[in-house]
Amino acid sequence: MRSIIRKMRLRIGVALVLVVAAVAVPLTVIGFASADDHSQTAAVNSATARFHDLGAAERAGYAIFPDMNKIACIDNQPVGGMGIHYVNGALVGNAVLDPTQPEALVYAPNAAGRPKLAAVEYIVFASAWSAAGHKNPPSLFGKQFFLTPDGNRFGIDAFWSLHLWIWQPNPSGLFQPWNPRVHC
């Protein structure tokens, strides 16, 4: 009799675990799908927090990337500004998009004129994206990248990019390229 009771308890325990798992997995997926933009980018915050120190960014391979006219701080008033781009050449040129390894860091001048980490930017050249067999534009965090065509101010080939303003609020939106609060 004890043997039968143990088996029944074991079966009930297994059944309860299966029921809990069956409920928990869909709730986790639903929770992530309905999470706001900020919660989806928490890993990016963690991965890039050390780059508030510009020296740390430079040691990690990021270097200032001015436009063709040697303008470092990118501004487009009255729409807004982007700031100063620091690009990691080792991360650019392929079709790999890793949210925790942005190809560029964007620094906006603070009140004293010193660069302050404001955003990250994901960049992929259109040719590399196509060569990897992708038919649709790249996307991260459920957001489609913007295309910058050939003949751009940087003098580089057409590229897809997505800004993520995780360190300085952007009233135009977390993923918009121009931030009206940024001025060069």
N, C-alpha and C. Protein backbone atom coordinates (compact mmCIF):
# COMPACT_ATOMS: atom_id res chain seq x y z
N MET A 1 0.82 -1.19 0.00
CA MET A 1 0.00 0.00 0.00
C MET A 1 0.86 1.26 0.00
N ARG A 2 1.93 1.24 0.84
CA ARG A 2 2.82 2.40 0.87
C ARG A 2 3.44 2.64 -0.48
N SER A 3 3.76 1.61 -1.15
CA SER A 3 4.37 1.72 -2.48
C SER A 3 3.42 2.41 -3.45
N ILE A 4 2.16 2.08 -3.39
CA ILE A 4 1.16 2.69 -4.27
C ILE A 4 1.00 4.17 -3.92
N ILE A 5 1.00 4.50 -2.63
CA ILE A 5 0.85 5.90 -2.20
C ILE A 5 2.06 6.71 -2.67
N ARG A 6 3.27 6.16 -2.54
CA ARG A 6 4.47 6.86 -3.00
C ARG A 6 4.40 7.13 -4.51
N LYS A 7 3.98 6.12 -5.25
CA LYS A 7 3.87 6.28 -6.70
C LYS A 7 2.86 7.36 -7.05
N MET A 8 1.75 7.37 -6.33
CA MET A 8 0.72 8.38 -6.60
C MET A 8 1.24 9.77 -6.26
N ARG A 9 1.96 9.91 -5.15
CA ARG A 9 2.52 11.20 -4.79
C ARG A 9 3.54 11.66 -5.83
N LEU A 10 4.34 10.73 -6.29
CA LEU A 10 5.34 11.05 -7.32
C LEU A 10 4.64 11.53 -8.59
N ARG A 11 3.61 10.81 -9.01
CA ARG A 11 2.87 11.19 -10.21
C ARG A 11 2.21 12.56 -10.04
N ILE A 12 1.64 12.81 -8.88
CA ILE A 12 1.01 14.11 -8.62
C ILE A 12 2.06 15.21 -8.64
N GLY A 13 3.22 14.94 -8.03
CA GLY A 13 4.31 15.92 -8.03
C GLY A 13 4.78 16.23 -9.44
N VAL A 14 4.97 15.20 -10.25
CA VAL A 14 5.38 15.40 -11.65
C VAL A 14 4.31 16.17 -12.40
N ALA A 15 3.06 15.81 -12.19
CA ALA A 15 1.97 16.51 -12.87
C ALA A 15 1.93 17.99 -12.48
N LEU A 16 2.15 18.29 -11.19
CA LEU A 16 2.17 19.69 -10.76
C LEU A 16 3.33 20.45 -11.40
N VAL A 17 4.49 19.83 -11.47
CA VAL A 17 5.64 20.48 -12.11
C VAL A 17 5.33 20.77 -13.58
N LEU A 18 4.73 19.81 -14.27
CA LEU A 18 4.39 19.99 -15.68
C LEU A 18 3.36 21.11 -15.86
N VAL A 19 2.37 21.16 -14.96
CA VAL A 19 1.36 22.21 -15.05
C VAL A 19 2.00 23.58 -14.84
N VAL A 20 2.85 23.70 -13.82
CA VAL A 20 3.52 24.97 -13.54
C VAL A 20 4.38 25.37 -14.74
N ALA A 21 5.13 24.43 -15.32
CA ALA A 21 5.96 24.74 -16.48
C ALA A 21 5.11 25.15 -17.67
N ALA A 22 3.99 24.45 -17.87
CA ALA A 22 3.13 24.77 -19.01
C ALA A 22 2.55 26.18 -18.89
N VAL A 23 2.32 26.63 -17.68
CA VAL A 23 1.78 27.97 -17.46
C VAL A 23 2.91 29.01 -17.48
N ALA A 24 4.04 28.69 -16.89
CA ALA A 24 5.13 29.66 -16.74
C ALA A 24 5.77 30.04 -18.07
N VAL A 25 6.01 29.08 -18.95
CA VAL A 25 6.69 29.38 -20.22
C VAL A 25 5.88 30.36 -21.07
N PRO A 26 4.59 30.11 -21.31
CA PRO A 26 3.84 31.11 -22.09
C PRO A 26 3.77 32.47 -21.41
N LEU A 27 3.67 32.50 -20.08
CA LEU A 27 3.62 33.79 -19.40
C LEU A 27 4.93 34.54 -19.55
N THR A 28 6.05 33.83 -19.54
CA THR A 28 7.35 34.47 -19.74
C THR A 28 7.43 35.06 -21.14
N VAL A 29 7.01 34.31 -22.13
CA VAL A 29 7.04 34.79 -23.51
C VAL A 29 6.11 35.99 -23.68
N ILE A 30 4.92 35.91 -23.11
CA ILE A 30 3.98 37.02 -23.19
C ILE A 30 4.57 38.24 -22.49
N GLY A 31 5.19 38.04 -21.33
CA GLY A 31 5.80 39.14 -20.60
C GLY A 31 6.88 39.83 -21.40
N PHE A 32 7.74 39.07 -22.08
CA PHE A 32 8.80 39.68 -22.88
C PHE A 32 8.22 40.41 -24.08
N ALA A 33 7.25 39.79 -24.74
CA ALA A 33 6.67 40.40 -25.93
C ALA A 33 5.96 41.70 -25.59
N SER A 34 5.40 41.78 -24.39
CA SER A 34 4.67 42.99 -24.03
C SER A 34 5.52 43.97 -23.23
N ALA A 35 6.78 43.61 -22.98
CA ALA A 35 7.66 44.48 -22.19
C ALA A 35 7.93 45.77 -22.95
N ASP A 36 8.15 46.84 -22.18
CA ASP A 36 8.44 48.11 -22.84
C ASP A 36 9.87 48.11 -23.38
N ASP A 37 10.17 49.12 -24.22
CA ASP A 37 11.47 49.19 -24.87
C ASP A 37 12.62 49.18 -23.87
N HIS A 38 12.44 49.86 -22.74
CA HIS A 38 13.51 49.96 -21.77
C HIS A 38 13.86 48.61 -21.15
N SER A 39 12.88 47.80 -20.84
CA SER A 39 13.17 46.51 -20.23
C SER A 39 13.83 45.57 -21.24
N GLN A 40 13.51 45.71 -22.51
CA GLN A 40 14.13 44.87 -23.53
C GLN A 40 15.59 45.24 -23.77
N THR A 41 16.00 46.42 -23.36
CA THR A 41 17.36 46.88 -23.62
C THR A 41 18.23 46.84 -22.37
N ALA A 42 17.77 46.20 -21.31
CA ALA A 42 18.53 46.16 -20.06
C ALA A 42 19.91 45.55 -20.26
N ALA A 43 20.03 44.54 -21.11
CA ALA A 43 21.34 43.92 -21.35
C ALA A 43 22.30 44.90 -22.02
N VAL A 44 21.78 45.78 -22.86
CA VAL A 44 22.61 46.80 -23.51
C VAL A 44 23.13 47.77 -22.45
N ASN A 45 22.28 48.17 -21.53
CA ASN A 45 22.71 49.06 -20.45
C ASN A 45 23.89 48.43 -19.70
N SER A 46 23.74 47.17 -19.34
CA SER A 46 24.79 46.48 -18.60
C SER A 46 26.08 46.40 -19.41
N ALA A 47 25.96 46.07 -20.67
CA ALA A 47 27.14 45.87 -21.52
C ALA A 47 27.87 47.16 -21.83
N THR A 48 27.18 48.29 -21.80
CA THR A 48 27.81 49.55 -22.22
C THR A 48 28.05 50.54 -21.09
N ALA A 49 27.63 50.23 -19.89
CA ALA A 49 27.77 51.16 -18.76
C ALA A 49 29.23 51.59 -18.56
N ARG A 50 30.16 50.70 -18.80
CA ARG A 50 31.58 51.03 -18.59
C ARG A 50 32.07 52.11 -19.55
N PHE A 51 31.33 52.33 -20.64
CA PHE A 51 31.76 53.30 -21.64
C PHE A 51 31.38 54.75 -21.29
N HIS A 52 30.81 54.95 -20.10
CA HIS A 52 30.66 56.32 -19.62
C HIS A 52 32.05 56.93 -19.48
N ASP A 53 33.03 56.08 -19.25
CA ASP A 53 34.43 56.48 -19.23
C ASP A 53 34.93 56.38 -20.67
N LEU A 54 35.15 57.53 -21.30
CA LEU A 54 35.58 57.56 -22.70
C LEU A 54 36.88 56.80 -22.89
N GLY A 55 37.76 56.83 -21.91
CA GLY A 55 39.01 56.07 -21.99
C GLY A 55 38.75 54.58 -22.11
N ALA A 56 37.74 54.07 -21.40
CA ALA A 56 37.38 52.65 -21.48
C ALA A 56 36.88 52.32 -22.88
N ALA A 57 36.13 53.22 -23.47
CA ALA A 57 35.64 53.01 -24.84
C ALA A 57 36.80 52.95 -25.81
N GLU A 58 37.74 53.86 -25.65
CA GLU A 58 38.91 53.88 -26.55
C GLU A 58 39.75 52.62 -26.37
N ARG A 59 39.93 52.17 -25.14
CA ARG A 59 40.68 50.93 -24.90
C ARG A 59 39.96 49.72 -25.49
N ALA A 60 38.64 49.80 -25.60
CA ALA A 60 37.85 48.70 -26.18
C ALA A 60 37.82 48.76 -27.70
N GLY A 61 38.49 49.75 -28.30
CA GLY A 61 38.58 49.81 -29.76
C GLY A 61 37.70 50.84 -30.43
N TYR A 62 37.00 51.65 -29.66
CA TYR A 62 36.16 52.70 -30.24
C TYR A 62 37.01 53.95 -30.49
N ALA A 63 36.82 54.54 -31.66
CA ALA A 63 37.57 55.75 -32.03
C ALA A 63 36.62 56.75 -32.67
N ILE A 64 36.93 58.02 -32.50
CA ILE A 64 36.10 59.08 -33.04
C ILE A 64 35.98 58.93 -34.56
N PHE A 65 34.77 59.19 -35.07
CA PHE A 65 34.50 59.01 -36.50
C PHE A 65 33.82 60.27 -37.03
N PRO A 66 34.62 61.26 -37.47
CA PRO A 66 34.03 62.50 -38.00
C PRO A 66 33.49 62.28 -39.41
N ASP A 67 32.72 63.24 -39.90
CA ASP A 67 32.22 63.15 -41.27
C ASP A 67 33.31 63.58 -42.25
N MET A 68 32.99 63.63 -43.53
CA MET A 68 33.98 63.98 -44.57
C MET A 68 34.58 65.36 -44.37
N ASN A 69 33.85 66.27 -43.75
CA ASN A 69 34.34 67.63 -43.51
C ASN A 69 35.03 67.76 -42.17
N LYS A 70 35.35 66.62 -41.55
CA LYS A 70 36.03 66.58 -40.25
C LYS A 70 35.17 67.13 -39.11
N ILE A 71 33.86 67.13 -39.31
CA ILE A 71 32.94 67.55 -38.25
C ILE A 71 32.68 66.32 -37.38
N ALA A 72 33.01 66.44 -36.11
CA ALA A 72 32.86 65.30 -35.21
C ALA A 72 31.48 65.24 -34.56
N CYS A 73 30.95 66.38 -34.18
CA CYS A 73 29.65 66.41 -33.51
C CYS A 73 28.56 66.64 -34.57
N ILE A 74 27.74 65.64 -34.77
CA ILE A 74 26.72 65.66 -35.82
C ILE A 74 25.45 66.33 -35.29
N ASP A 75 25.03 67.38 -35.99
CA ASP A 75 23.92 68.21 -35.57
C ASP A 75 23.01 68.48 -36.76
N ASN A 76 21.72 68.55 -36.53
CA ASN A 76 20.75 68.80 -37.59
C ASN A 76 19.59 69.62 -37.02
N GLN A 77 19.92 70.80 -36.53
CA GLN A 77 18.90 71.64 -35.90
C GLN A 77 18.00 72.25 -36.98
N PRO A 78 16.74 72.39 -36.73
CA PRO A 78 16.05 72.29 -35.44
C PRO A 78 15.56 70.88 -35.10
N VAL A 79 15.84 69.88 -35.96
CA VAL A 79 15.37 68.52 -35.69
C VAL A 79 16.04 67.95 -34.45
N GLY A 80 17.33 68.19 -34.33
CA GLY A 80 18.08 67.67 -33.18
C GLY A 80 19.50 67.33 -33.57
N GLY A 81 20.19 66.70 -32.68
CA GLY A 81 21.56 66.29 -32.92
C GLY A 81 21.73 64.82 -32.61
N MET A 82 22.88 64.32 -32.99
CA MET A 82 23.25 62.95 -32.61
C MET A 82 24.38 63.02 -31.59
N GLY A 83 25.37 63.81 -31.90
CA GLY A 83 26.53 63.90 -31.03
C GLY A 83 27.77 63.42 -31.76
N ILE A 84 28.73 62.96 -30.97
CA ILE A 84 30.02 62.52 -31.49
C ILE A 84 30.02 61.00 -31.54
N HIS A 85 30.28 60.46 -32.72
CA HIS A 85 30.28 59.02 -32.90
C HIS A 85 31.68 58.46 -32.67
N TYR A 86 31.72 57.40 -31.87
CA TYR A 86 32.94 56.61 -31.69
C TYR A 86 32.61 55.23 -32.24
N VAL A 87 33.33 54.81 -33.27
CA VAL A 87 33.03 53.56 -33.97
C VAL A 87 34.12 52.53 -33.67
N ASN A 88 33.69 51.31 -33.52
CA ASN A 88 34.62 50.20 -33.33
C ASN A 88 34.77 49.49 -34.67
N GLY A 89 35.91 49.74 -35.35
CA GLY A 89 36.14 49.18 -36.68
C GLY A 89 36.09 47.66 -36.73
N ALA A 90 36.43 46.99 -35.62
CA ALA A 90 36.40 45.53 -35.60
C ALA A 90 34.98 44.99 -35.62
N LEU A 91 34.01 45.83 -35.26
CA LEU A 91 32.61 45.38 -35.22
C LEU A 91 31.84 45.76 -36.48
N VAL A 92 32.41 46.60 -37.31
CA VAL A 92 31.73 47.08 -38.52
C VAL A 92 32.22 46.27 -39.72
N GLY A 93 31.37 46.06 -40.69
CA GLY A 93 31.79 45.42 -41.92
C GLY A 93 31.23 44.03 -42.12
N ASN A 94 30.53 43.51 -41.11
CA ASN A 94 29.90 42.20 -41.28
C ASN A 94 28.40 42.35 -41.06
N ALA A 95 27.71 41.24 -41.15
CA ALA A 95 26.25 41.28 -41.00
C ALA A 95 25.82 40.77 -39.63
N VAL A 96 26.73 40.80 -38.67
CA VAL A 96 26.42 40.33 -37.32
C VAL A 96 25.89 41.50 -36.48
N LEU A 97 24.74 41.29 -35.88
CA LEU A 97 24.15 42.30 -34.99
C LEU A 97 24.02 41.69 -33.60
N ASP A 98 24.83 42.18 -32.69
CA ASP A 98 24.81 41.72 -31.31
C ASP A 98 24.38 42.91 -30.44
N PRO A 99 23.21 42.85 -29.83
CA PRO A 99 22.74 43.98 -29.03
C PRO A 99 23.72 44.43 -27.96
N THR A 100 24.54 43.52 -27.45
CA THR A 100 25.47 43.89 -26.38
C THR A 100 26.81 44.40 -26.91
N GLN A 101 26.97 44.42 -28.24
CA GLN A 101 28.19 44.95 -28.84
C GLN A 101 27.84 45.93 -29.96
N PRO A 102 27.42 47.13 -29.60
CA PRO A 102 27.07 48.11 -30.64
C PRO A 102 28.31 48.54 -31.42
N GLU A 103 28.12 48.76 -32.70
CA GLU A 103 29.22 49.18 -33.56
C GLU A 103 29.69 50.59 -33.23
N ALA A 104 28.80 51.41 -32.69
CA ALA A 104 29.17 52.80 -32.36
C ALA A 104 28.59 53.20 -31.01
N LEU A 105 29.32 54.09 -30.36
CA LEU A 105 28.85 54.76 -29.15
C LEU A 105 28.68 56.22 -29.51
N VAL A 106 27.63 56.84 -29.02
CA VAL A 106 27.36 58.24 -29.35
C VAL A 106 27.45 59.06 -28.06
N TYR A 107 28.32 60.06 -28.10
CA TYR A 107 28.54 60.95 -26.96
C TYR A 107 27.98 62.32 -27.30
N ALA A 108 27.18 62.86 -26.40
CA ALA A 108 26.63 64.21 -26.58
C ALA A 108 27.39 65.15 -25.65
N PRO A 109 27.65 66.37 -26.12
CA PRO A 109 28.32 67.33 -25.23
C PRO A 109 27.43 67.67 -24.04
N ASN A 110 28.02 67.64 -22.83
CA ASN A 110 27.25 68.04 -21.65
C ASN A 110 27.31 69.57 -21.52
N ALA A 111 26.80 70.10 -20.43
CA ALA A 111 26.74 71.56 -20.24
C ALA A 111 28.13 72.19 -20.27
N ALA A 112 29.14 71.43 -19.88
CA ALA A 112 30.51 71.94 -19.89
C ALA A 112 31.22 71.69 -21.22
N GLY A 113 30.49 71.09 -22.17
CA GLY A 113 31.07 70.81 -23.48
C GLY A 113 31.84 69.50 -23.56
N ARG A 114 31.84 68.74 -22.48
CA ARG A 114 32.56 67.45 -22.47
C ARG A 114 31.64 66.34 -22.97
N PRO A 115 32.21 65.36 -23.69
CA PRO A 115 31.38 64.26 -24.19
C PRO A 115 30.85 63.37 -23.07
N LYS A 116 29.54 63.10 -23.16
CA LYS A 116 28.85 62.24 -22.20
C LYS A 116 28.12 61.16 -22.98
N LEU A 117 28.28 59.90 -22.58
CA LEU A 117 27.63 58.80 -23.29
C LEU A 117 26.12 59.04 -23.32
N ALA A 118 25.55 59.04 -24.52
CA ALA A 118 24.13 59.33 -24.68
C ALA A 118 23.37 58.18 -25.33
N ALA A 119 24.01 57.52 -26.30
CA ALA A 119 23.32 56.49 -27.07
C ALA A 119 24.32 55.46 -27.58
N VAL A 120 23.77 54.37 -28.07
CA VAL A 120 24.57 53.40 -28.83
C VAL A 120 23.96 53.36 -30.22
N GLU A 121 24.74 52.89 -31.16
CA GLU A 121 24.24 52.78 -32.54
C GLU A 121 24.69 51.46 -33.13
N TYR A 122 23.75 50.81 -33.78
CA TYR A 122 24.02 49.55 -34.49
C TYR A 122 24.13 49.88 -35.97
N ILE A 123 25.19 49.39 -36.60
CA ILE A 123 25.47 49.74 -37.99
C ILE A 123 25.80 48.47 -38.77
N VAL A 124 25.24 48.35 -39.94
CA VAL A 124 25.60 47.26 -40.85
C VAL A 124 25.56 47.82 -42.28
N PHE A 125 26.63 47.58 -43.01
CA PHE A 125 26.66 48.05 -44.40
C PHE A 125 25.61 47.30 -45.21
N ALA A 126 24.93 48.03 -46.07
CA ALA A 126 23.87 47.43 -46.89
C ALA A 126 24.42 46.29 -47.74
N SER A 127 25.62 46.44 -48.27
CA SER A 127 26.21 45.39 -49.11
C SER A 127 26.49 44.12 -48.30
N ALA A 128 26.99 44.27 -47.06
CA ALA A 128 27.25 43.10 -46.22
C ALA A 128 25.95 42.41 -45.84
N TRP A 129 24.92 43.21 -45.57
CA TRP A 129 23.61 42.66 -45.19
C TRP A 129 23.03 41.84 -46.35
N SER A 130 23.11 42.39 -47.55
CA SER A 130 22.60 41.69 -48.73
C SER A 130 23.43 40.45 -49.04
N ALA A 131 24.76 40.58 -48.92
CA ALA A 131 25.65 39.45 -49.21
C ALA A 131 25.40 38.28 -48.26
N ALA A 132 24.91 38.57 -47.07
CA ALA A 132 24.60 37.51 -46.11
C ALA A 132 23.26 36.86 -46.42
N GLY A 133 22.61 37.30 -47.50
CA GLY A 133 21.36 36.68 -47.93
C GLY A 133 20.09 37.26 -47.34
N HIS A 134 20.20 38.39 -46.67
CA HIS A 134 19.02 38.99 -46.06
C HIS A 134 18.23 39.76 -47.12
N LYS A 135 16.93 39.54 -47.13
CA LYS A 135 16.04 40.22 -48.07
C LYS A 135 15.37 41.44 -47.44
N ASN A 136 15.15 41.39 -46.14
CA ASN A 136 14.48 42.49 -45.43
C ASN A 136 15.52 43.33 -44.68
N PRO A 137 15.19 44.56 -44.39
CA PRO A 137 16.10 45.41 -43.61
C PRO A 137 16.39 44.78 -42.24
N PRO A 138 17.56 45.07 -41.67
CA PRO A 138 17.85 44.55 -40.34
C PRO A 138 16.94 45.17 -39.29
N SER A 139 16.81 44.47 -38.17
CA SER A 139 16.03 45.01 -37.06
C SER A 139 16.56 44.42 -35.75
N LEU A 140 16.40 45.20 -34.72
CA LEU A 140 16.69 44.77 -33.35
C LEU A 140 15.60 45.35 -32.46
N PHE A 141 15.30 44.69 -31.37
CA PHE A 141 14.32 45.18 -30.41
C PHE A 141 12.95 45.43 -31.07
N GLY A 142 12.68 44.73 -32.18
CA GLY A 142 11.43 44.92 -32.90
C GLY A 142 11.38 46.19 -33.72
N LYS A 143 12.52 46.84 -33.90
CA LYS A 143 12.58 48.10 -34.67
C LYS A 143 13.45 47.92 -35.90
N GLN A 144 12.94 48.38 -37.03
CA GLN A 144 13.67 48.31 -38.30
C GLN A 144 14.72 49.42 -38.37
N PHE A 145 15.88 49.09 -38.90
CA PHE A 145 16.97 50.06 -39.06
C PHE A 145 16.61 51.09 -40.13
N PHE A 146 17.25 52.25 -40.07
CA PHE A 146 17.12 53.30 -41.07
C PHE A 146 18.24 53.12 -42.09
N LEU A 147 17.95 53.39 -43.36
CA LEU A 147 18.96 53.29 -44.41
C LEU A 147 19.55 54.67 -44.70
N THR A 148 20.88 54.74 -44.66
CA THR A 148 21.61 55.94 -45.08
C THR A 148 22.25 55.58 -46.41
N PRO A 149 21.87 56.24 -47.51
CA PRO A 149 22.33 55.84 -48.84
C PRO A 149 23.78 56.24 -49.12
N ASP A 150 24.29 55.74 -50.23
CA ASP A 150 25.60 56.19 -50.73
C ASP A 150 25.55 57.71 -50.87
N GLY A 151 26.73 58.34 -50.87
CA GLY A 151 26.77 59.80 -51.01
C GLY A 151 26.43 60.50 -49.71
N ASN A 152 26.56 59.82 -48.59
CA ASN A 152 26.23 60.40 -47.29
C ASN A 152 27.36 61.27 -46.77
N ARG A 153 27.12 62.00 -45.72
CA ARG A 153 28.08 62.95 -45.16
C ARG A 153 29.36 62.29 -44.64
N PHE A 154 29.33 60.98 -44.42
CA PHE A 154 30.51 60.29 -43.93
C PHE A 154 31.41 59.78 -45.05
N GLY A 155 30.88 59.80 -46.29
CA GLY A 155 31.67 59.34 -47.43
C GLY A 155 31.87 57.84 -47.44
N ILE A 156 30.94 57.12 -46.85
CA ILE A 156 31.04 55.65 -46.84
C ILE A 156 29.86 55.06 -47.60
N ASP A 157 29.98 53.77 -47.90
CA ASP A 157 28.91 53.08 -48.62
C ASP A 157 27.60 53.11 -47.83
N ALA A 158 26.51 52.84 -48.53
CA ALA A 158 25.19 52.81 -47.90
C ALA A 158 25.21 51.87 -46.69
N PHE A 159 24.53 52.30 -45.63
CA PHE A 159 24.50 51.49 -44.42
C PHE A 159 23.16 51.61 -43.71
N TRP A 160 22.85 50.56 -42.97
CA TRP A 160 21.67 50.52 -42.13
C TRP A 160 22.11 50.88 -40.71
N SER A 161 21.29 51.64 -40.00
CA SER A 161 21.65 51.98 -38.62
C SER A 161 20.42 52.12 -37.74
N LEU A 162 20.66 51.90 -36.47
CA LEU A 162 19.61 52.06 -35.47
C LEU A 162 20.24 52.65 -34.21
N HIS A 163 19.78 53.83 -33.83
CA HIS A 163 20.22 54.46 -32.58
C HIS A 163 19.36 53.93 -31.44
N LEU A 164 19.97 53.89 -30.28
CA LEU A 164 19.26 53.49 -29.06
C LEU A 164 19.70 54.45 -27.96
N TRP A 165 18.82 55.39 -27.63
CA TRP A 165 19.12 56.45 -26.67
C TRP A 165 18.89 55.96 -25.24
N ILE A 166 19.77 55.11 -24.77
CA ILE A 166 19.58 54.52 -23.44
C ILE A 166 20.20 55.37 -22.33
N TRP A 167 21.10 56.27 -22.67
CA TRP A 167 21.78 57.04 -21.63
C TRP A 167 21.33 58.50 -21.57
N GLN A 168 20.64 58.97 -22.58
CA GLN A 168 20.08 60.33 -22.56
C GLN A 168 18.70 60.26 -23.18
N PRO A 169 17.68 60.64 -22.45
CA PRO A 169 16.32 60.55 -22.98
C PRO A 169 16.17 61.32 -24.30
N ASN A 170 15.39 60.73 -25.19
CA ASN A 170 15.09 61.35 -26.48
C ASN A 170 13.58 61.51 -26.58
N PRO A 171 13.08 62.75 -26.52
CA PRO A 171 11.64 62.95 -26.61
C PRO A 171 11.05 62.52 -27.95
N SER A 172 11.89 62.37 -28.97
CA SER A 172 11.40 61.91 -30.28
C SER A 172 11.22 60.41 -30.32
N GLY A 173 11.81 59.71 -29.37
CA GLY A 173 11.68 58.26 -29.31
C GLY A 173 13.01 57.58 -29.06
N LEU A 174 12.96 56.48 -28.37
CA LEU A 174 14.15 55.73 -27.97
C LEU A 174 15.02 55.32 -29.16
N PHE A 175 14.40 55.07 -30.32
CA PHE A 175 15.13 54.56 -31.48
C PHE A 175 15.29 55.57 -32.61
N GLN A 176 14.92 56.80 -32.40
CA GLN A 176 15.02 57.82 -33.45
C GLN A 176 16.46 58.29 -33.61
N PRO A 177 16.88 58.61 -34.83
CA PRO A 177 18.27 59.03 -35.03
C PRO A 177 18.59 60.40 -34.43
N TRP A 178 17.67 61.33 -34.48
CA TRP A 178 17.93 62.69 -34.01
C TRP A 178 17.28 62.93 -32.66
N ASN A 179 18.05 63.54 -31.76
CA ASN A 179 17.56 63.84 -30.42
C ASN A 179 17.50 65.37 -30.26
N PRO A 180 16.32 65.96 -30.10
CA PRO A 180 16.21 67.41 -29.98
C PRO A 180 16.91 67.99 -28.75
N ARG A 181 17.28 67.14 -27.81
CA ARG A 181 18.00 67.61 -26.62
C ARG A 181 19.52 67.65 -26.81
N VAL A 182 19.97 67.18 -27.96
CA VAL A 182 21.42 67.16 -28.24
C VAL A 182 21.75 68.34 -29.13
N HIS A 183 22.73 69.13 -28.69
CA HIS A 183 23.22 70.29 -29.46
C HIS A 183 24.73 70.26 -29.47
N CYS A 184 25.31 70.51 -30.60
CA CYS A 184 26.77 70.53 -30.72
C CYS A 184 27.32 71.93 -30.49
